């Protein structure tokens, strides 16, 4: 599969924990968002099969990523998903991706990404992302607003 990225993807040589703790909330959620979509598709895919995810899904999981439905914010969301997927290739979490072109995918918001990924690295990254999300973003908010 041809990557939308330049260069050859490298295997993750550092702990996933190191790179998931560094992004700001918006970028963290963007990585988490894409990984959730990839994992959902991998769960029903045959081993080694490429999966595809929408550039803009019908339901936005994190309102911080698309706080209002405007043209500018949709374009920003689209761009961020592309950049995050490139980031996941560079970190060795997925093997590659390309934007699907073709009939019925005319408008850029309707396009899909075809992803080459293995269950192991995606599941591991997603588990770490989930743990980080719970400990760094969800629990502190619960403590700040006791019942």
N, C-alpha and C. Protein backbone atom coordinates (compact mmCIF):
# COMPACT_ATOMS: atom_id res chain seq x y z
N UNK A 1 0.86 -1.19 0.00
CA UNK A 1 0.00 0.00 0.00
C UNK A 1 0.89 1.23 0.00
N UNK A 2 0.56 2.18 -0.81
CA UNK A 2 1.28 3.44 -0.81
C UNK A 2 0.82 4.27 0.36
N UNK A 3 1.76 4.84 1.07
CA UNK A 3 1.42 5.71 2.19
C UNK A 3 1.17 7.11 1.69
N UNK A 4 0.34 7.83 2.42
CA UNK A 4 0.17 9.26 2.16
C UNK A 4 1.32 10.01 2.84
N UNK A 5 2.22 9.26 3.45
CA UNK A 5 3.32 9.87 4.18
C UNK A 5 4.59 9.75 3.36
N UNK A 6 5.54 10.60 3.66
CA UNK A 6 6.81 10.50 2.97
C UNK A 6 7.74 9.61 3.80
N UNK A 7 8.51 8.81 3.13
CA UNK A 7 9.45 7.96 3.84
C UNK A 7 8.82 6.66 4.28
N UNK A 8 9.62 5.82 4.84
CA UNK A 8 9.19 4.50 5.28
C UNK A 8 8.77 4.56 6.74
N UNK A 9 7.65 3.96 7.10
CA UNK A 9 7.24 3.98 8.49
C UNK A 9 8.25 3.25 9.37
N UNK A 10 8.46 3.75 10.55
CA UNK A 10 9.39 3.13 11.47
C UNK A 10 8.60 2.41 12.56
N UNK A 11 9.17 1.36 13.09
CA UNK A 11 8.53 0.67 14.19
C UNK A 11 8.63 1.54 15.43
N UNK A 12 7.64 1.42 16.27
CA UNK A 12 7.65 2.20 17.50
C UNK A 12 8.77 1.69 18.39
N UNK A 13 9.79 2.50 18.57
CA UNK A 13 10.93 2.08 19.38
C UNK A 13 10.84 2.64 20.79
N UNK A 14 9.97 3.60 20.99
CA UNK A 14 9.77 4.13 22.32
C UNK A 14 8.41 3.68 22.82
N UNK A 15 8.22 3.79 24.11
CA UNK A 15 6.96 3.40 24.70
C UNK A 15 5.84 4.27 24.15
N UNK A 16 4.71 3.65 23.89
CA UNK A 16 3.54 4.40 23.44
C UNK A 16 3.19 5.45 24.49
N UNK A 17 3.41 5.12 25.73
CA UNK A 17 3.12 6.05 26.82
C UNK A 17 3.87 7.38 26.64
N UNK A 18 5.07 7.34 26.09
CA UNK A 18 5.85 8.56 25.92
C UNK A 18 5.19 9.53 24.96
N UNK A 19 4.66 9.03 23.86
CA UNK A 19 4.09 9.96 22.89
C UNK A 19 2.64 10.28 23.14
N UNK A 20 1.90 9.47 23.90
CA UNK A 20 0.51 9.84 24.15
C UNK A 20 0.37 10.85 25.28
N UNK A 21 1.38 10.99 26.10
CA UNK A 21 1.30 11.94 27.21
C UNK A 21 1.70 13.35 26.79
N UNK A 22 2.29 13.50 25.62
CA UNK A 22 2.78 14.82 25.23
C UNK A 22 1.78 15.72 24.51
N UNK A 23 0.81 15.20 23.75
CA UNK A 23 -0.06 16.13 23.02
C UNK A 23 -1.01 16.91 23.93
N UNK A 24 -1.48 18.02 23.42
CA UNK A 24 -2.51 18.78 24.11
C UNK A 24 -3.82 18.01 23.99
N UNK A 25 -4.86 18.45 24.69
CA UNK A 25 -6.13 17.73 24.72
C UNK A 25 -6.70 17.53 23.32
N UNK A 26 -6.70 18.56 22.49
CA UNK A 26 -7.30 18.46 21.16
C UNK A 26 -6.59 17.42 20.30
N UNK A 27 -5.26 17.42 20.29
CA UNK A 27 -4.53 16.45 19.50
C UNK A 27 -4.64 15.05 20.11
N UNK A 28 -4.64 14.97 21.44
CA UNK A 28 -4.84 13.68 22.11
C UNK A 28 -6.17 13.08 21.68
N UNK A 29 -7.24 13.88 21.74
CA UNK A 29 -8.57 13.39 21.36
C UNK A 29 -8.62 13.01 19.89
N UNK A 30 -7.91 13.73 19.04
CA UNK A 30 -7.89 13.43 17.61
C UNK A 30 -7.25 12.05 17.36
N UNK A 31 -6.14 11.76 18.04
CA UNK A 31 -5.49 10.45 17.92
C UNK A 31 -6.43 9.36 18.44
N UNK A 32 -7.02 9.61 19.60
CA UNK A 32 -7.95 8.65 20.22
C UNK A 32 -9.13 8.38 19.29
N UNK A 33 -9.68 9.42 18.71
CA UNK A 33 -10.81 9.36 17.79
C UNK A 33 -10.50 8.44 16.60
N UNK A 34 -9.36 8.64 15.97
CA UNK A 34 -8.98 7.84 14.80
C UNK A 34 -8.71 6.39 15.21
N UNK A 35 -8.03 6.19 16.33
CA UNK A 35 -7.74 4.83 16.79
C UNK A 35 -9.02 4.05 17.10
N UNK A 36 -10.01 4.71 17.69
CA UNK A 36 -11.29 4.06 17.98
C UNK A 36 -11.93 3.59 16.67
N UNK A 37 -11.92 4.45 15.66
CA UNK A 37 -12.51 4.09 14.37
C UNK A 37 -11.76 2.93 13.71
N UNK A 38 -10.44 2.95 13.77
CA UNK A 38 -9.65 1.87 13.18
C UNK A 38 -9.93 0.56 13.91
N UNK A 39 -9.92 0.59 15.23
CA UNK A 39 -10.15 -0.62 16.02
C UNK A 39 -11.53 -1.20 15.74
N UNK A 40 -12.54 -0.34 15.65
CA UNK A 40 -13.90 -0.80 15.38
C UNK A 40 -13.95 -1.60 14.07
N UNK A 41 -13.25 -1.12 13.06
CA UNK A 41 -13.24 -1.81 11.77
C UNK A 41 -12.37 -3.07 11.81
N UNK A 42 -11.25 -3.02 12.53
CA UNK A 42 -10.39 -4.20 12.64
C UNK A 42 -11.11 -5.35 13.35
N UNK A 43 -12.01 -5.01 14.26
CA UNK A 43 -12.75 -6.03 15.01
C UNK A 43 -13.56 -6.95 14.11
N UNK A 44 -13.98 -6.47 12.95
CA UNK A 44 -14.80 -7.28 12.05
C UNK A 44 -14.08 -7.62 10.73
N UNK A 45 -12.84 -7.22 10.61
CA UNK A 45 -12.07 -7.48 9.39
C UNK A 45 -11.33 -8.81 9.50
N UNK A 46 -11.10 -9.43 8.35
CA UNK A 46 -10.26 -10.63 8.31
C UNK A 46 -8.82 -10.23 8.60
N UNK A 47 -8.05 -11.15 9.15
CA UNK A 47 -6.65 -10.88 9.46
C UNK A 47 -5.91 -10.43 8.19
N UNK A 48 -5.22 -9.30 8.28
CA UNK A 48 -4.47 -8.77 7.15
C UNK A 48 -5.26 -7.93 6.18
N UNK A 49 -6.58 -7.88 6.35
CA UNK A 49 -7.43 -7.10 5.47
C UNK A 49 -7.31 -5.60 5.79
N UNK A 50 -7.28 -4.78 4.74
CA UNK A 50 -7.29 -3.34 4.96
C UNK A 50 -8.67 -2.92 5.43
N UNK A 51 -8.72 -1.88 6.25
CA UNK A 51 -10.00 -1.36 6.72
C UNK A 51 -10.15 0.07 6.24
N UNK A 52 -11.39 0.55 6.19
CA UNK A 52 -11.56 1.94 5.81
C UNK A 52 -12.41 2.65 6.85
N UNK A 53 -12.06 3.91 7.06
CA UNK A 53 -12.79 4.74 8.01
C UNK A 53 -13.14 6.05 7.31
N UNK A 54 -14.23 6.69 7.74
CA UNK A 54 -14.61 7.95 7.10
C UNK A 54 -13.68 9.09 7.51
N UNK A 55 -13.48 10.01 6.59
CA UNK A 55 -12.72 11.22 6.93
C UNK A 55 -13.51 12.05 7.94
N UNK A 56 -14.81 12.11 7.76
CA UNK A 56 -15.68 12.77 8.74
C UNK A 56 -16.80 11.78 9.06
N UNK A 57 -16.76 11.16 10.24
CA UNK A 57 -17.79 10.18 10.58
C UNK A 57 -19.15 10.84 10.81
N UNK A 58 -20.22 10.07 10.69
CA UNK A 58 -21.56 10.65 10.87
C UNK A 58 -21.81 11.15 12.30
N UNK A 59 -21.14 10.51 13.27
CA UNK A 59 -21.27 10.93 14.67
C UNK A 59 -19.88 11.31 15.18
N UNK A 60 -19.76 12.51 15.70
CA UNK A 60 -18.48 13.00 16.24
C UNK A 60 -18.40 12.58 17.70
N UNK A 61 -17.36 11.84 18.05
CA UNK A 61 -17.23 11.30 19.41
C UNK A 61 -16.85 12.35 20.44
N UNK A 62 -16.07 13.32 20.06
CA UNK A 62 -15.57 14.33 21.00
C UNK A 62 -15.93 15.72 20.47
N UNK A 63 -16.83 16.40 21.15
CA UNK A 63 -17.30 17.71 20.67
C UNK A 63 -16.18 18.74 20.61
N UNK A 64 -15.11 18.54 21.36
CA UNK A 64 -13.97 19.46 21.30
C UNK A 64 -13.34 19.49 19.90
N UNK A 65 -13.48 18.40 19.16
CA UNK A 65 -12.89 18.31 17.83
C UNK A 65 -13.73 18.99 16.76
N UNK A 66 -15.02 19.11 17.00
CA UNK A 66 -15.93 19.79 16.06
C UNK A 66 -17.02 20.46 16.89
N UNK A 67 -16.67 21.58 17.54
CA UNK A 67 -17.62 22.22 18.47
C UNK A 67 -18.87 22.78 17.80
N UNK A 68 -18.76 23.17 16.55
CA UNK A 68 -19.90 23.64 15.75
C UNK A 68 -19.76 23.07 14.36
N UNK A 69 -20.87 22.91 13.69
CA UNK A 69 -20.84 22.35 12.35
C UNK A 69 -20.79 23.49 11.33
N UNK A 70 -19.57 23.93 11.03
CA UNK A 70 -19.35 24.97 10.03
C UNK A 70 -18.37 24.43 8.98
N UNK A 71 -18.33 25.06 7.84
CA UNK A 71 -17.42 24.64 6.78
C UNK A 71 -15.97 24.68 7.27
N UNK A 72 -15.57 25.77 7.90
CA UNK A 72 -14.19 25.91 8.36
C UNK A 72 -13.83 24.85 9.40
N UNK A 73 -14.73 24.57 10.33
CA UNK A 73 -14.44 23.58 11.37
C UNK A 73 -14.47 22.16 10.82
N UNK A 74 -15.34 21.88 9.85
CA UNK A 74 -15.32 20.56 9.20
C UNK A 74 -13.99 20.36 8.45
N UNK A 75 -13.53 21.39 7.76
CA UNK A 75 -12.24 21.29 7.05
C UNK A 75 -11.10 21.07 8.03
N UNK A 76 -11.15 21.74 9.17
CA UNK A 76 -10.11 21.57 10.19
C UNK A 76 -10.15 20.15 10.75
N UNK A 77 -11.34 19.62 11.01
CA UNK A 77 -11.50 18.26 11.52
C UNK A 77 -10.95 17.25 10.50
N UNK A 78 -11.29 17.44 9.23
CA UNK A 78 -10.81 16.58 8.14
C UNK A 78 -9.28 16.59 8.10
N UNK A 79 -8.72 17.77 8.13
CA UNK A 79 -7.26 17.92 8.07
C UNK A 79 -6.58 17.26 9.27
N UNK A 80 -7.17 17.44 10.44
CA UNK A 80 -6.57 16.86 11.65
C UNK A 80 -6.60 15.34 11.58
N UNK A 81 -7.68 14.73 11.09
CA UNK A 81 -7.73 13.26 10.97
C UNK A 81 -6.66 12.76 10.01
N UNK A 82 -6.44 13.48 8.91
CA UNK A 82 -5.38 13.09 7.98
C UNK A 82 -4.01 13.17 8.66
N UNK A 83 -3.76 14.27 9.36
CA UNK A 83 -2.46 14.45 10.05
C UNK A 83 -2.25 13.40 11.13
N UNK A 84 -3.29 13.10 11.88
CA UNK A 84 -3.20 12.10 12.95
C UNK A 84 -2.90 10.72 12.37
N UNK A 85 -3.51 10.39 11.25
CA UNK A 85 -3.27 9.09 10.63
C UNK A 85 -1.82 9.01 10.15
N UNK A 86 -1.32 10.10 9.60
CA UNK A 86 0.09 10.17 9.22
C UNK A 86 0.99 9.98 10.46
N UNK A 87 0.62 10.59 11.55
CA UNK A 87 1.33 10.47 12.82
C UNK A 87 1.36 9.00 13.27
N UNK A 88 0.24 8.30 13.14
CA UNK A 88 0.17 6.89 13.55
C UNK A 88 1.07 6.01 12.69
N UNK A 89 1.23 6.35 11.41
CA UNK A 89 2.18 5.63 10.56
C UNK A 89 3.59 5.89 11.06
N UNK A 90 3.92 7.14 11.31
CA UNK A 90 5.27 7.50 11.76
C UNK A 90 5.63 6.86 13.09
N UNK A 91 4.62 6.60 13.93
CA UNK A 91 4.86 5.97 15.24
C UNK A 91 4.83 4.45 15.16
N UNK A 92 4.55 3.91 13.97
CA UNK A 92 4.54 2.46 13.80
C UNK A 92 3.28 1.77 14.30
N UNK A 93 2.24 2.53 14.59
CA UNK A 93 0.98 1.94 15.08
C UNK A 93 0.20 1.33 13.92
N UNK A 94 0.22 1.99 12.76
CA UNK A 94 -0.38 1.43 11.55
C UNK A 94 0.69 1.38 10.47
N UNK A 95 0.46 0.54 9.46
CA UNK A 95 1.48 0.37 8.41
C UNK A 95 1.38 1.41 7.32
N UNK A 96 0.20 1.90 7.02
CA UNK A 96 0.05 2.87 5.95
C UNK A 96 -1.41 3.20 5.73
N UNK A 97 -1.63 4.17 4.84
CA UNK A 97 -3.00 4.56 4.51
C UNK A 97 -3.02 5.34 3.22
N UNK A 98 -4.20 5.42 2.65
CA UNK A 98 -4.39 6.30 1.50
C UNK A 98 -5.84 6.78 1.51
N UNK A 99 -6.05 7.93 0.92
CA UNK A 99 -7.39 8.48 0.80
C UNK A 99 -8.05 7.80 -0.40
N UNK A 100 -9.21 7.22 -0.20
CA UNK A 100 -9.91 6.56 -1.29
C UNK A 100 -10.53 7.59 -2.23
N UNK A 101 -10.33 7.37 -3.49
CA UNK A 101 -10.92 8.20 -4.53
C UNK A 101 -11.92 7.33 -5.29
N UNK A 102 -12.87 7.95 -5.93
CA UNK A 102 -13.74 7.15 -6.78
C UNK A 102 -15.16 7.64 -6.80
N UNK A 103 -15.95 6.92 -7.55
CA UNK A 103 -17.35 7.26 -7.75
C UNK A 103 -18.08 7.23 -6.41
N UNK A 104 -18.90 8.25 -6.18
CA UNK A 104 -19.67 8.32 -4.95
C UNK A 104 -18.92 8.97 -3.80
N UNK A 105 -17.65 9.25 -4.00
CA UNK A 105 -16.85 9.88 -2.95
C UNK A 105 -16.42 11.27 -3.43
N UNK A 106 -17.33 11.98 -4.09
CA UNK A 106 -17.00 13.23 -4.73
C UNK A 106 -16.54 14.33 -3.80
N UNK A 107 -17.31 14.64 -2.80
CA UNK A 107 -16.96 15.74 -1.91
C UNK A 107 -15.92 15.28 -0.90
N UNK A 108 -14.97 16.13 -0.59
CA UNK A 108 -13.88 15.74 0.30
C UNK A 108 -14.37 15.22 1.65
N UNK A 109 -15.48 15.71 2.15
CA UNK A 109 -15.98 15.25 3.45
C UNK A 109 -16.55 13.84 3.38
N UNK A 110 -16.84 13.35 2.18
CA UNK A 110 -17.39 12.00 2.02
C UNK A 110 -16.30 10.96 1.79
N UNK A 111 -15.07 11.40 1.64
CA UNK A 111 -13.98 10.48 1.35
C UNK A 111 -13.69 9.59 2.57
N UNK A 112 -13.02 8.49 2.29
CA UNK A 112 -12.67 7.54 3.33
C UNK A 112 -11.18 7.25 3.25
N UNK A 113 -10.61 6.81 4.36
CA UNK A 113 -9.21 6.41 4.39
C UNK A 113 -9.13 4.90 4.42
N UNK A 114 -8.33 4.34 3.52
CA UNK A 114 -8.06 2.91 3.50
C UNK A 114 -6.79 2.71 4.34
N UNK A 115 -6.89 1.88 5.38
CA UNK A 115 -5.83 1.76 6.37
C UNK A 115 -5.27 0.34 6.40
N UNK A 116 -3.94 0.24 6.37
CA UNK A 116 -3.26 -1.04 6.57
C UNK A 116 -2.77 -1.06 8.01
N UNK A 117 -3.34 -1.97 8.80
CA UNK A 117 -3.00 -2.01 10.22
C UNK A 117 -3.12 -3.43 10.74
N UNK A 118 -2.40 -3.71 11.80
CA UNK A 118 -2.49 -4.99 12.49
C UNK A 118 -3.20 -4.76 13.83
N UNK A 119 -3.95 -5.76 14.25
CA UNK A 119 -4.73 -5.63 15.49
C UNK A 119 -3.85 -5.34 16.70
N UNK A 120 -2.72 -6.02 16.83
CA UNK A 120 -1.88 -5.90 18.03
C UNK A 120 -1.46 -4.47 18.34
N UNK A 121 -0.74 -3.82 17.44
CA UNK A 121 -0.28 -2.45 17.73
C UNK A 121 -1.43 -1.47 17.94
N UNK A 122 -2.52 -1.62 17.18
CA UNK A 122 -3.67 -0.72 17.33
C UNK A 122 -4.32 -0.94 18.69
N UNK A 123 -4.53 -2.20 19.07
CA UNK A 123 -5.15 -2.51 20.36
C UNK A 123 -4.31 -2.02 21.52
N UNK A 124 -3.00 -2.20 21.41
CA UNK A 124 -2.08 -1.75 22.47
C UNK A 124 -2.13 -0.22 22.60
N UNK A 125 -2.05 0.46 21.48
CA UNK A 125 -2.08 1.93 21.51
C UNK A 125 -3.42 2.42 22.05
N UNK A 126 -4.50 1.80 21.62
CA UNK A 126 -5.83 2.22 22.07
C UNK A 126 -6.01 1.97 23.57
N UNK A 127 -5.52 0.85 24.07
CA UNK A 127 -5.61 0.57 25.51
C UNK A 127 -4.84 1.63 26.31
N UNK A 128 -3.66 1.98 25.84
CA UNK A 128 -2.88 3.02 26.51
C UNK A 128 -3.57 4.38 26.42
N UNK A 129 -4.14 4.67 25.26
CA UNK A 129 -4.87 5.94 25.10
C UNK A 129 -6.06 5.99 26.04
N UNK A 130 -6.78 4.88 26.15
CA UNK A 130 -7.95 4.82 27.02
C UNK A 130 -7.54 5.05 28.49
N UNK A 131 -6.47 4.39 28.91
CA UNK A 131 -5.98 4.56 30.28
C UNK A 131 -5.56 6.00 30.54
N UNK A 132 -4.87 6.59 29.57
CA UNK A 132 -4.43 7.98 29.71
C UNK A 132 -5.63 8.92 29.73
N UNK A 133 -6.61 8.67 28.89
CA UNK A 133 -7.82 9.49 28.84
C UNK A 133 -8.54 9.46 30.18
N UNK A 134 -8.65 8.26 30.75
CA UNK A 134 -9.33 8.12 32.04
C UNK A 134 -8.56 8.82 33.15
N UNK A 135 -7.25 8.63 33.20
CA UNK A 135 -6.47 9.17 34.31
C UNK A 135 -6.19 10.66 34.19
N UNK A 136 -5.94 11.14 32.98
CA UNK A 136 -5.54 12.54 32.82
C UNK A 136 -6.69 13.48 32.53
N UNK A 137 -7.74 12.98 31.88
CA UNK A 137 -8.78 13.90 31.44
C UNK A 137 -10.13 13.67 32.11
N UNK A 138 -10.51 12.44 32.38
CA UNK A 138 -11.83 12.17 32.94
C UNK A 138 -11.82 12.26 34.46
N UNK A 139 -10.93 11.54 35.12
CA UNK A 139 -10.91 11.53 36.59
C UNK A 139 -10.66 12.90 37.19
N UNK A 140 -9.72 13.70 36.67
CA UNK A 140 -9.54 15.04 37.25
C UNK A 140 -10.81 15.89 37.17
N UNK A 141 -11.58 15.73 36.09
CA UNK A 141 -12.82 16.49 35.97
C UNK A 141 -13.86 16.01 36.98
N UNK A 142 -13.89 14.69 37.23
CA UNK A 142 -14.82 14.15 38.22
C UNK A 142 -14.47 14.65 39.61
N UNK A 143 -13.18 14.74 39.92
CA UNK A 143 -12.74 15.22 41.23
C UNK A 143 -13.05 16.70 41.42
N UNK A 144 -12.98 17.45 40.34
CA UNK A 144 -13.26 18.90 40.41
C UNK A 144 -14.74 19.18 40.60
N UNK A 145 -15.59 18.24 40.19
CA UNK A 145 -17.05 18.41 40.30
C UNK A 145 -17.66 17.26 41.07
N UNK A 146 -17.43 17.19 42.42
CA UNK A 146 -17.98 16.06 43.18
C UNK A 146 -19.51 16.09 43.17
N UNK A 147 -20.14 14.91 43.30
CA UNK A 147 -21.61 14.84 43.26
C UNK A 147 -22.28 15.53 44.42
